[in-house]
C-alpha atoms as a PDB file:
ATOM      1  CA  MET A   1      22.337  36.440 101.500  1.00  0.00           C
ATOM      2  CA  THR A   2      20.914  34.541 104.815  1.00  0.00           C
ATOM      3  CA  GLY A   3      22.900  35.523 107.683  1.00  0.00           C
ATOM      4  CA  PRO A   4      25.722  37.931 108.381  1.00  0.00           C
ATOM      5  CA  ALA A   5      27.600  39.416 105.582  1.00  0.00           C
ATOM      6  CA  ILE A   6      30.851  38.294 106.815  1.00  0.00           C
ATOM      7  CA  ALA A   7      31.419  35.709 109.525  1.00  0.00           C
ATOM      8  CA  ALA A   8      34.942  34.257 110.519  1.00  0.00           C
ATOM      9  CA  HIS A   9      35.942  31.698 113.214  1.00  0.00           C
ATOM     10  CA  GLY A  10      39.035  31.302 114.687  1.00  0.00           C
ATOM     11  CA  LEU A  11      41.040  32.999 111.578  1.00  0.00           C
ATOM     12  CA  ARG A  12      44.442  32.359 112.023  1.00  0.00           C
ATOM     13  CA  LYS A  13      47.242  33.439 110.539  1.00  0.00           C
ATOM     14  CA  SER A  14      51.082  33.189 110.847  1.00  0.00           C
ATOM     15  CA  TYR A  15      54.621  34.120 109.018  1.00  0.00           C
ATOM     16  CA  GLY A  16      57.321  32.019 110.248  1.00  0.00           C
ATOM     17  CA  ASP A  17      57.374  31.504 113.725  1.00  0.00           C
ATOM     18  CA  LYS A  18      55.565  35.370 114.050  1.00  0.00           C
ATOM     19  CA  THR A  19      51.701  34.972 114.877  1.00  0.00           C
ATOM     20  CA  VAL A  20      49.722  37.970 113.387  1.00  0.00           C
ATOM     21  CA  LEU A  21      46.128  36.592 113.645  1.00  0.00           C
ATOM     22  CA  ASP A  22      45.361  33.924 116.659  1.00  0.00           C
ATOM     23  CA  GLY A  23      41.958  32.700 116.544  1.00  0.00           C
ATOM     24  CA  VAL A  24      40.268  35.681 115.854  1.00  0.00           C
ATOM     25  CA  ASP A  25      36.652  35.478 115.585  1.00  0.00           C
ATOM     26  CA  LEU A  26      34.427  37.979 113.787  1.00  0.00           C
ATOM     27  CA  THR A  27      30.626  38.419 112.442  1.00  0.00           C
ATOM     28  CA  VAL A  28      29.491  41.583 110.912  1.00  0.00           C
ATOM     29  CA  ALA A  29      25.595  42.137 110.023  1.00  0.00           C
ATOM     30  CA  GLU A  30      24.377  42.802 106.598  1.00  0.00           C
ATOM     31  CA  GLY A  31      24.270  46.492 106.048  1.00  0.00           C
ATOM     32  CA  THR A  32      26.153  47.596 109.033  1.00  0.00           C
ATOM     33  CA  VAL A  33      29.875  49.376 109.308  1.00  0.00           C
ATOM     34  CA  PHE A  34      31.889  47.099 111.567  1.00  0.00           C
ATOM     35  CA  SER A  35      34.930  48.776 112.616  1.00  0.00           C
ATOM     36  CA  LEU A  36      38.708  47.086 113.301  1.00  0.00           C
ATOM     37  CA  LEU A  37      40.790  49.071 115.365  1.00  0.00           C
ATOM     38  CA  GLY A  38      44.437  48.314 116.471  1.00  0.00           C
ATOM     39  CA  PRO A  39      47.860  49.427 116.537  1.00  0.00           C
ATOM     40  CA  ASN A  40      50.113  49.308 113.811  1.00  0.00           C
ATOM     41  CA  GLY A  41      51.347  45.810 113.218  1.00  0.00           C
ATOM     42  CA  ALA A  42      48.048  44.465 115.244  1.00  0.00           C
ATOM     43  CA  GLY A  43      47.135  42.488 111.773  1.00  0.00           C
ATOM     44  CA  LYS A  44      43.902  44.557 110.849  1.00  0.00           C
ATOM     45  CA  THR A  45      45.294  44.881 106.935  1.00  0.00           C
ATOM     46  CA  THR A  46      46.146  40.889 107.256  1.00  0.00           C
ATOM     47  CA  ALA A  47      42.475  40.490 108.101  1.00  0.00           C
ATOM     48  CA  VAL A  48      41.054  42.192 105.393  1.00  0.00           C
ATOM     49  CA  LYS A  49      43.728  40.579 102.805  1.00  0.00           C
ATOM     50  CA  ILE A  50      42.539  37.282 104.111  1.00  0.00           C
ATOM     51  CA  LEU A  51      38.678  38.312 103.992  1.00  0.00           C
ATOM     52  CA  SER A  52      39.308  39.577 100.734  1.00  0.00           C
ATOM     53  CA  THR A  53      40.927  36.148  99.327  1.00  0.00           C
ATOM     54  CA  LEU A  54      44.173  38.245  98.599  1.00  0.00           C
ATOM     55  CA  ILE A  55      45.747  36.113 100.874  1.00  0.00           C
ATOM     56  CA  SER A  56      44.989  32.389 102.413  1.00  0.00           C
ATOM     57  CA  PRO A  57      44.664  32.133 105.919  1.00  0.00           C
ATOM     58  CA  ASP A  58      46.017  29.147 108.503  1.00  0.00           C
ATOM     59  CA  PRO A  59      44.938  25.707 107.809  1.00  0.00           C
ATOM     60  CA  ALA A  60      44.283  25.683 111.535  1.00  0.00           C
ATOM     61  CA  SER A  61      41.454  28.358 110.936  1.00  0.00           C
ATOM     62  CA  GLY A  62      37.807  27.458 111.354  1.00  0.00           C
ATOM     63  CA  ARG A  63      35.237  27.905 108.696  1.00  0.00           C
ATOM     64  CA  ILE A  64      35.351  31.772 107.035  1.00  0.00           C
ATOM     65  CA  SER A  65      32.101  33.152 105.106  1.00  0.00           C
ATOM     66  CA  VAL A  66      31.777  36.121 103.215  1.00  0.00           C
ATOM     67  CA  GLY A  67      28.839  37.312 101.219  1.00  0.00           C
ATOM     68  CA  GLY A  68      27.080  33.903 102.095  1.00  0.00           C
ATOM     69  CA  HIS A  69      29.903  32.238 100.154  1.00  0.00           C
ATOM     70  CA  ASP A  70      32.646  29.729 101.994  1.00  0.00           C
ATOM     71  CA  LEU A  71      36.191  31.537 101.758  1.00  0.00           C
ATOM     72  CA  ALA A  72      37.621  27.860 100.982  1.00  0.00           C
ATOM     73  CA  ALA A  73      35.206  26.357  98.658  1.00  0.00           C
ATOM     74  CA  ASP A  74      33.821  29.355  96.526  1.00  0.00           C
ATOM     75  CA  PRO A  75      36.980  32.250  96.693  1.00  0.00           C
ATOM     76  CA  GLN A  76      35.580  32.964  92.777  1.00  0.00           C
ATOM     77  CA  ALA A  77      32.237  33.721  94.487  1.00  0.00           C
ATOM     78  CA  VAL A  78      33.492  35.851  97.497  1.00  0.00           C
ATOM     79  CA  ARG A  79      35.161  38.009  95.158  1.00  0.00           C
ATOM     80  CA  ALA A  80      31.895  38.939  93.154  1.00  0.00           C
ATOM     81  CA  ALA A  81      30.569  39.995  96.082  1.00  0.00           C
ATOM     82  CA  ILE A  82      33.053  42.438  97.273  1.00  0.00           C
ATOM     83  CA  GLY A  83      34.659  45.442  96.680  1.00  0.00           C
ATOM     84  CA  VAL A  84      38.357  46.703  98.381  1.00  0.00           C
ATOM     85  CA  THR A  85      39.963  49.678  98.686  1.00  0.00           C
ATOM     86  CA  GLY A  86      43.560  49.356 100.436  1.00  0.00           C
ATOM     87  CA  GLN A  87      45.902  51.837 102.260  1.00  0.00           C
ATOM     88  CA  PHE A  88      47.375  52.768  99.153  1.00  0.00           C
ATOM     89  CA  SER A  89      45.380  53.749  96.057  1.00  0.00           C
ATOM     90  CA  ALA A  90      44.894  51.978  93.174  1.00  0.00           C
ATOM     91  CA  VAL A  91      44.461  54.980  90.442  1.00  0.00           C
ATOM     92  CA  ASP A  92      46.924  54.776  87.770  1.00  0.00           C
ATOM     93  CA  GLY A  93      48.030  58.668  87.464  1.00  0.00           C
ATOM     94  CA  LEU A  94      49.006  58.318  83.968  1.00  0.00           C
ATOM     95  CA  ILE A  95      45.328  58.186  82.673  1.00  0.00           C
ATOM     96  CA  THR A  96      42.439  60.447  83.545  1.00  0.00           C
ATOM     97  CA  GLY A  97      39.710  59.597  86.128  1.00  0.00           C
ATOM     98  CA  ALA A  98      37.218  58.368  83.422  1.00  0.00           C
ATOM     99  CA  GLU A  99      39.880  56.027  82.018  1.00  0.00           C
ATOM    100  CA  ASN A 100      40.650  54.807  85.424  1.00  0.00           C
ATOM    101  CA  MET A 101      36.899  54.023  85.605  1.00  0.00           C
ATOM    102  CA  LEU A 102      36.290  52.409  82.328  1.00  0.00           C
ATOM    103  CA  LEU A 103      39.086  50.143  82.890  1.00  0.00           C
ATOM    104  CA  MET A 104      37.786  48.870  85.988  1.00  0.00           C
ATOM    105  CA  ALA A 105      34.609  48.100  83.958  1.00  0.00           C
ATOM    106  CA  ASP A 106      36.468  46.210  81.554  1.00  0.00           C
ATOM    107  CA  LEU A 107      37.920  44.183  83.867  1.00  0.00           C
ATOM    108  CA  HIS A 108      34.337  43.590  85.545  1.00  0.00           C
ATOM    109  CA  HIS A 109      33.545  42.249  81.646  1.00  0.00           C
ATOM    110  CA  LEU A 110      30.688  45.035  81.436  1.00  0.00           C
ATOM    111  CA  PRO A 111      29.375  45.712  77.910  1.00  0.00           C
ATOM    112  CA  ARG A 112      30.679  49.186  76.570  1.00  0.00           C
ATOM    113  CA  ARG A 113      27.522  51.054  76.647  1.00  0.00           C
ATOM    114  CA  GLU A 114      26.964  49.879  80.319  1.00  0.00           C
ATOM    115  CA  GLY A 115      30.138  50.597  81.652  1.00  0.00           C
ATOM    116  CA  ARG A 116      30.097  54.065  80.179  1.00  0.00           C
ATOM    117  CA  ARG A 117      26.797  54.714  82.223  1.00  0.00           C
ATOM    118  CA  VAL A 118      28.161  53.425  85.275  1.00  0.00           C
ATOM    119  CA  THR A 119      31.092  55.067  84.831  1.00  0.00           C
ATOM    120  CA  ALA A 120      29.179  58.847  84.279  1.00  0.00           C
ATOM    121  CA  GLU A 121      27.095  57.736  87.035  1.00  0.00           C
ATOM    122  CA  LEU A 122      29.377  57.298  89.805  1.00  0.00           C
ATOM    123  CA  LEU A 123      31.720  60.086  88.495  1.00  0.00           C
ATOM    124  CA  GLU A 124      28.610  62.561  89.240  1.00  0.00           C
ATOM    125  CA  ARG A 125      28.163  60.799  92.467  1.00  0.00           C
ATOM    126  CA  PHE A 126      31.353  61.413  93.529  1.00  0.00           C
ATOM    127  CA  ASP A 127      31.976  65.199  92.232  1.00  0.00           C
ATOM    128  CA  LEU A 128      34.391  63.908  90.151  1.00  0.00           C
ATOM    129  CA  THR A 129      32.592  64.561  86.723  1.00  0.00           C
ATOM    130  CA  GLU A 130      34.720  68.073  85.962  1.00  0.00           C
ATOM    131  CA  ALA A 131      37.761  66.636  86.994  1.00  0.00           C
ATOM    132  CA  ALA A 132      37.030  63.324  84.884  1.00  0.00           C
ATOM    133  CA  ALA A 133      39.104  64.293  81.748  1.00  0.00           C
ATOM    134  CA  LYS A 134      42.339  65.100  83.756  1.00  0.00           C
ATOM    135  CA  PRO A 135      45.179  62.787  84.393  1.00  0.00           C
ATOM    136  CA  ALA A 136      44.485  61.233  87.977  1.00  0.00           C
ATOM    137  CA  SER A 137      48.137  62.731  88.929  1.00  0.00           C
ATOM    138  CA  THR A 138      46.609  66.168  89.008  1.00  0.00           C
ATOM    139  CA  TYR A 139      43.835  64.963  91.500  1.00  0.00           C
ATOM    140  CA  SER A 140      44.306  65.893  95.268  1.00  0.00           C
ATOM    141  CA  GLY A 141      44.266  63.240  97.754  1.00  0.00           C
ATOM    142  CA  GLY A 142      40.909  63.528  98.778  1.00  0.00           C
ATOM    143  CA  MET A 143      39.618  63.726  94.832  1.00  0.00           C
ATOM    144  CA  ARG A 144      42.259  60.459  94.557  1.00  0.00           C
ATOM    145  CA  ARG A 145      40.500  58.526  97.423  1.00  0.00           C
ATOM    146  CA  ARG A 146      36.916  59.363  96.000  1.00  0.00           C
ATOM    147  CA  LEU A 147      38.074  58.074  92.557  1.00  0.00           C
ATOM    148  CA  ASP A 148      39.346  55.260  94.390  1.00  0.00           C
ATOM    149  CA  ILE A 149      36.198  53.904  95.679  1.00  0.00           C
ATOM    150  CA  ALA A 150      34.504  55.022  92.636  1.00  0.00           C
ATOM    151  CA  MET A 151      36.296  52.252  91.286  1.00  0.00           C
ATOM    152  CA  THR A 152      35.450  49.862  93.993  1.00  0.00           C
ATOM    153  CA  LEU A 153      31.930  50.338  93.154  1.00  0.00           C
ATOM    154  CA  VAL A 154      31.979  49.749  89.605  1.00  0.00           C
ATOM    155  CA  GLY A 155      31.124  46.019  89.876  1.00  0.00           C
ATOM    156  CA  SER A 156      28.635  46.827  92.573  1.00  0.00           C
ATOM    157  CA  PRO A 157      29.733  45.224  95.472  1.00  0.00           C
ATOM    158  CA  ARG A 158      27.414  44.532  98.426  1.00  0.00           C
ATOM    159  CA  ILE A 159      30.504  43.989 100.930  1.00  0.00           C
ATOM    160  CA  ILE A 160      33.647  46.409 100.624  1.00  0.00           C
ATOM    161  CA  PHE A 161      36.450  46.528 102.460  1.00  0.00           C
ATOM    162  CA  LEU A 162      38.075  49.951 103.418  1.00  0.00           C
ATOM    163  CA  ASP A 163      41.531  49.702 104.923  1.00  0.00           C
ATOM    164  CA  GLU A 164      42.304  53.022 106.306  1.00  0.00           C
ATOM    165  CA  PRO A 165      40.465  55.034 103.536  1.00  0.00           C
ATOM    166  CA  THR A 166      41.343  58.269 105.022  1.00  0.00           C
ATOM    167  CA  THR A 167      44.436  58.265 105.916  1.00  0.00           C
ATOM    168  CA  GLY A 168      46.585  61.262 105.232  1.00  0.00           C
ATOM    169  CA  LEU A 169      43.788  63.473 104.087  1.00  0.00           C
ATOM    170  CA  ASP A 170      42.541  66.697 105.297  1.00  0.00           C
ATOM    171  CA  PRO A 171      39.642  67.235 107.857  1.00  0.00           C
ATOM    172  CA  ARG A 172      37.267  68.130 105.068  1.00  0.00           C
ATOM    173  CA  SER A 173      38.057  65.456 103.029  1.00  0.00           C
ATOM    174  CA  ARG A 174      37.814  63.003 105.928  1.00  0.00           C
ATOM    175  CA  HIS A 175      34.243  64.036 106.445  1.00  0.00           C
ATOM    176  CA  ASN A 176      33.641  63.905 102.492  1.00  0.00           C
ATOM    177  CA  MET A 177      34.521  60.578 102.957  1.00  0.00           C
ATOM    178  CA  TRP A 178      32.697  59.894 106.139  1.00  0.00           C
ATOM    179  CA  GLN A 179      29.557  61.053 104.394  1.00  0.00           C
ATOM    180  CA  ILE A 180      29.887  58.794 101.442  1.00  0.00           C
ATOM    181  CA  ILE A 181      30.419  55.699 103.678  1.00  0.00           C
ATOM    182  CA  ARG A 182      27.188  56.784 104.840  1.00  0.00           C
ATOM    183  CA  GLU A 183      25.458  56.895 101.975  1.00  0.00           C
ATOM    184  CA  LEU A 184      26.985  53.527 101.277  1.00  0.00           C
ATOM    185  CA  VAL A 185      25.181  51.866 104.335  1.00  0.00           C
ATOM    186  CA  THR A 186      22.103  53.556 103.125  1.00  0.00           C
ATOM    187  CA  ASP A 187      21.777  52.127 100.318  1.00  0.00           C
ATOM    188  CA  GLY A 188      22.318  48.303 101.845  1.00  0.00           C
ATOM    189  CA  VAL A 189      26.070  47.823 101.863  1.00  0.00           C
ATOM    190  CA  THR A 190      28.272  46.754 104.036  1.00  0.00           C
ATOM    191  CA  VAL A 191      31.226  48.593 105.241  1.00  0.00           C
ATOM    192  CA  PHE A 192      34.559  46.722 106.824  1.00  0.00           C
ATOM    193  CA  LEU A 193      36.392  49.762 107.891  1.00  0.00           C
ATOM    194  CA  THR A 194      39.860  49.577 109.758  1.00  0.00           C
ATOM    195  CA  THR A 195      41.285  52.878 110.949  1.00  0.00           C
ATOM    196  CA  GLN A 196      43.523  54.471 113.103  1.00  0.00           C
ATOM    197  CA  TYR A 197      41.297  57.457 113.840  1.00  0.00           C
ATOM    198  CA  LEU A 198      39.323  56.580 116.607  1.00  0.00           C
ATOM    199  CA  ASP A 199      36.970  59.410 116.342  1.00  0.00           C
ATOM    200  CA  GLU A 200      36.221  57.760 112.807  1.00  0.00           C
ATOM    201  CA  ALA A 201      35.212  54.669 114.466  1.00  0.00           C
ATOM    202  CA  ASP A 202      32.996  56.610 116.615  1.00  0.00           C
ATOM    203  CA  GLU A 203      31.422  58.261 114.217  1.00  0.00           C
ATOM    204  CA  LEU A 204      30.744  55.454 111.936  1.00  0.00           C
ATOM    205  CA  ALA A 205      30.770  52.106 113.129  1.00  0.00           C
ATOM    206  CA  ASP A 206      27.612  49.994 114.339  1.00  0.00           C
ATOM    207  CA  ARG A 207      30.050  47.500 115.944  1.00  0.00           C
ATOM    208  CA  ILE A 208      33.794  47.723 116.598  1.00  0.00           C
ATOM    209  CA  ALA A 209      36.750  45.192 117.346  1.00  0.00           C
ATOM    210  CA  VAL A 210      39.763  46.297 118.933  1.00  0.00           C
ATOM    211  CA  LEU A 211      42.433  43.872 117.788  1.00  0.00           C
ATOM    212  CA  HIS A 212      45.660  43.522 120.067  1.00  0.00           C
ATOM    213  CA  ASN A 213      48.432  40.773 120.098  1.00  0.00           C
ATOM    214  CA  GLY A 214      46.568  38.920 117.823  1.00  0.00           C
ATOM    215  CA  THR A 215      43.201  38.411 119.250  1.00  0.00           C
ATOM    216  CA  ILE A 216      39.818  40.583 119.487  1.00  0.00           C
ATOM    217  CA  ALA A 217      40.470  42.374 122.923  1.00  0.00           C
ATOM    218  CA  ALA A 218      37.024  43.650 122.984  1.00  0.00           C
ATOM    219  CA  GLU A 219      33.991  44.061 120.727  1.00  0.00           C
ATOM    220  CA  GLY A 220      30.618  45.960 120.652  1.00  0.00           C
ATOM    221  CA  THR A 221      29.110  49.096 120.383  1.00  0.00           C
ATOM    222  CA  ALA A 222      30.965  52.297 120.958  1.00  0.00           C
ATOM    223  CA  ALA A 223      28.939  52.901 124.393  1.00  0.00           C
ATOM    224  CA  GLU A 224      29.555  49.272 125.220  1.00  0.00           C
ATOM    225  CA  LEU A 225      33.319  49.816 124.894  1.00  0.00           C
ATOM    226  CA  LYS A 226      33.174  53.173 126.686  1.00  0.00           C
ATOM    227  CA  ARG A 227      31.577  51.705 129.722  1.00  0.00           C
ATOM    228  CA  LEU A 228      34.312  48.912 129.907  1.00  0.00           C
ATOM    229  CA  VAL A 229      36.741  51.667 130.909  1.00  0.00           C
ATOM    230  CA  PRO A 230      36.604  53.540 134.076  1.00  0.00           C
ATOM    231  CA  GLY A 231      37.309  57.240 135.063  1.00  0.00           C
ATOM    232  CA  GLY A 232      34.701  59.213 134.265  1.00  0.00           C
ATOM    233  CA  HIS A 233      34.027  62.090 136.348  1.00  0.00           C
ATOM    234  CA  VAL A 234      32.217  65.851 136.870  1.00  0.00           C
ATOM    235  CA  ARG A 235      34.783  68.753 137.315  1.00  0.00           C
ATOM    236  CA  LEU A 236      33.847  71.508 139.153  1.00  0.00           C
ATOM    237  CA  ARG A 237      35.501  74.653 139.001  1.00  0.00           C
ATOM    238  CA  PHE A 238      35.066  78.176 141.607  1.00  0.00           C
ATOM    239  CA  THR A 239      36.856  81.607 141.450  1.00  0.00           C
ATOM    240  CA  ASP A 240      35.877  82.313 145.144  1.00  0.00           C
ATOM    241  CA  PRO A 241      38.235  80.412 147.595  1.00  0.00           C
ATOM    242  CA  ALA A 242      35.566  79.993 150.394  1.00  0.00           C
ATOM    243  CA  ALA A 243      32.662  78.502 147.661  1.00  0.00           C
ATOM    244  CA  HIS A 244      35.381  76.338 146.741  1.00  0.00           C
ATOM    245  CA  ARG A 245      36.119  75.369 150.424  1.00  0.00           C
ATOM    246  CA  ALA A 246      32.953  74.727 151.216  1.00  0.00           C
ATOM    247  CA  ALA A 247      32.016  72.452 148.570  1.00  0.00           C
ATOM    248  CA  ALA A 248      34.552  70.517 149.571  1.00  0.00           C
ATOM    249  CA  SER A 249      33.444  70.016 152.649  1.00  0.00           C
ATOM    250  CA  ALA A 250      29.852  69.449 151.673  1.00  0.00           C
ATOM    251  CA  LEU A 251      31.471  66.476 148.996  1.00  0.00           C
ATOM    252  CA  ARG A 252      33.586  64.993 150.892  1.00  0.00           C
ATOM    253  CA  GLU A 253      34.078  62.218 148.474  1.00  0.00           C
ATOM    254  CA  ALA A 254      35.439  64.632 146.259  1.00  0.00           C
ATOM    255  CA  THR A 255      39.406  65.193 144.752  1.00  0.00           C
ATOM    256  CA  ARG A 256      40.236  68.841 145.677  1.00  0.00           C
ATOM    257  CA  ASP A 257      42.792  70.676 143.874  1.00  0.00           C
ATOM    258  CA  ASP A 258      43.439  73.909 146.420  1.00  0.00           C
ATOM    259  CA  GLU A 259      45.722  76.278 143.630  1.00  0.00           C
ATOM    260  CA  ALA A 260      43.069  75.384 140.780  1.00  0.00           C
ATOM    261  CA  LEU A 261      39.841  75.810 142.753  1.00  0.00           C
ATOM    262  CA  THR A 262      38.291  72.667 141.306  1.00  0.00           C
ATOM    263  CA  LEU A 263      37.087  69.604 142.763  1.00  0.00           C
ATOM    264  CA  GLN A 264      36.773  65.638 140.980  1.00  0.00           C
ATOM    265  CA  ILE A 265      33.983  63.636 142.016  1.00  0.00           C
ATOM    266  CA  ALA A 266      33.869  60.173 140.332  1.00  0.00           C
ATOM    267  CA  SER A 267      30.743  59.720 137.549  1.00  0.00           C
ATOM    268  CA  ALA A 268      29.537  57.474 135.205  1.00  0.00           C
ATOM    269  CA  GLY A 269      28.046  61.477 133.742  1.00  0.00           C
ATOM    270  CA  SER A 270      24.183  59.879 134.039  1.00  0.00           C
ATOM    271  CA  GLN A 271      21.290  62.574 134.195  1.00  0.00           C
ATOM    272  CA  ARG A 272      20.817  60.699 137.332  1.00  0.00           C
ATOM    273  CA  GLU A 273      24.319  61.345 138.981  1.00  0.00           C
ATOM    274  CA  LEU A 274      24.187  64.914 138.328  1.00  0.00           C
ATOM    275  CA  ARG A 275      20.971  65.940 139.240  1.00  0.00           C
ATOM    276  CA  LEU A 276      21.642  64.427 142.340  1.00  0.00           C
ATOM    277  CA  LEU A 277      25.219  66.502 142.341  1.00  0.00           C
ATOM    278  CA  LEU A 278      23.757  69.736 141.964  1.00  0.00           C
ATOM    279  CA  ASP A 279      20.826  68.830 143.993  1.00  0.00           C
ATOM    280  CA  ARG A 280      23.462  68.491 147.099  1.00  0.00           C
ATOM    281  CA  LEU A 281      25.767  71.508 146.080  1.00  0.00           C
ATOM    282  CA  ASP A 282      21.659  73.572 145.953  1.00  0.00           C
ATOM    283  CA  THR A 283      21.152  72.417 149.565  1.00  0.00           C
ATOM    284  CA  ALA A 284      24.488  73.811 150.606  1.00  0.00           C
ATOM    285  CA  GLY A 285      23.886  77.039 149.266  1.00  0.00           C
ATOM    286  CA  ILE A 286      27.056  76.106 146.622  1.00  0.00           C
ATOM    287  CA  GLU A 287      26.811  77.463 143.246  1.00  0.00           C
ATOM    288  CA  ALA A 288      30.247  76.364 140.730  1.00  0.00           C
ATOM    289  CA  ASP A 289      31.406  78.622 138.014  1.00  0.00           C
ATOM    290  CA  GLU A 290      32.101  75.815 135.735  1.00  0.00           C
ATOM    291  CA  LEU A 291      30.781  72.362 135.732  1.00  0.00           C
ATOM    292  CA  THR A 292      32.371  69.797 133.196  1.00  0.00           C
ATOM    293  CA  VAL A 293      31.574  66.310 132.697  1.00  0.00           C
ATOM    294  CA  HIS A 294      34.156  63.451 131.489  1.00  0.00           C
ATOM    295  CA  THR A 295      33.205  60.358 130.218  1.00  0.00           C
ATOM    296  CA  PRO A 296      35.843  57.834 128.732  1.00  0.00           C
ATOM    297  CA  ASP A 297      35.751  58.068 124.931  1.00  0.00           C
ATOM    298  CA  LEU A 298      37.492  55.751 122.413  1.00  0.00           C
ATOM    299  CA  ASP A 299      40.732  57.265 123.342  1.00  0.00           C
ATOM    300  CA  ASP A 300      40.499  55.887 126.769  1.00  0.00           C
ATOM    301  CA  VAL A 301      39.347  52.579 125.584  1.00  0.00           C
ATOM    302  CA  PHE A 302      41.808  51.829 122.736  1.00  0.00           C
ATOM    303  CA  PHE A 303      45.136  52.953 125.355  1.00  0.00           C
ATOM    304  CA  ALA A 304      43.761  50.796 128.373  1.00  0.00           C
ATOM    305  CA  LEU A 305      42.655  47.528 125.935  1.00  0.00           C
ATOM    306  CA  THR A 306      46.019  47.898 123.767  1.00  0.00           C
ATOM    307  CA  GLY A 307      48.790  49.083 126.624  1.00  0.00           C
ATOM    308  CA  PRO A 308      51.021  47.080 128.406  1.00  0.00           C
ATOM    309  CA  THR A 309      48.575  46.374 131.154  1.00  0.00           C
ATOM    310  CA  ARG A 310      44.820  45.779 131.625  1.00  0.00           C
ATOM    311  CA  PRO A 311      43.704  48.155 134.119  1.00  0.00           C
ATOM    312  CA  ALA A 312      41.438  46.986 136.817  1.00  0.00           C
ATOM    313  CA  GLY A 313      37.955  46.347 136.148  1.00  0.00           C
ATOM    314  CA  ILE A 314      38.476  45.090 132.417  1.00  0.00           C
ATOM    315  CA  PRO A 315      37.842  41.784 132.022  1.00  0.00           C
ATOM    316  CA  ASP A 316      40.212  39.480 130.151  1.00  0.00           C
ATOM    317  CA  GLN A 317      37.724  38.588 127.531  1.00  0.00           C
ATOM    318  CA  PRO A 318      35.155  41.682 127.494  1.00  0.00           C
ATOM    319  CA  GLN A 319      34.130  40.813 123.978  1.00  0.00           C
ATOM    320  CA  GLU A 320      32.152  38.374 125.451  1.00  0.00           C
ATOM    321  CA  THR A 321      30.028  40.368 127.900  1.00  0.00           C
ATOM    322  CA  ALA A 322      29.902  42.884 124.980  1.00  0.00           C
ATOM    323  CA  ARG A 323      28.334  41.002 121.876  1.00  0.00           C
END
């Protein structure tokens, strides 16, 4: 495959008079994690269904390529290159974990010996060997999710769509899933991830796109997106009211809270800015009891971009500057 793993231009989808996707452009590099964020109903799952050939885009959409294959001209080749783990588990609870895996091997037309070999390897890789002979209905949520992804990997896809794969999992199971995703990418697999957990995207994604009102509101690395949102600051806390007053006099641009004995200074949190601030305090002979740095996180980005109004300082089309 040459070029990006996924490239969609002007992706559109409407249901009656409701527009779900309104000219979305997506480019996903091979061997990376691309995360699509957005509020409920933003169209994340619709995008996954289109890119994985489960539903068709509107005729007005531009060219869509997945795995180097044209989605419209050769959907079967696209299906052969991808795996999909949807929001809801595809595991059959009435049969065992091993039988679920062997069923997928049959669906991929693997020879019996090859199917058993692949099944054994994947069950071991996902730490499911001991539970392989038990009905899947007895599995915990984390185990079912691991089995779900193991089933997705039976056909050795080079591109995997994970649609909110950790929803409902406990923190330990979520972190186990993160490790599985990292290992997939290390093996050269491309992962298209949708999630409602912003820390998950921050932790895993090489690039992130925020989907809102049917369009991409912003796209870039986590660091690039965070720089779009103002509001970083340094907070100084004092226990001595005299020291607090002296610091407020020395740092006149600070916002002071006399009751809490704190000062807040706008800052991007860079090393240079912190050094200058500490030098000013040292020159004035003042020492704060506590210093904390707040920089915008993906929560701030998400709320800023998907809220009813866009805060000042964020361009209307920030995705073009973040590419």
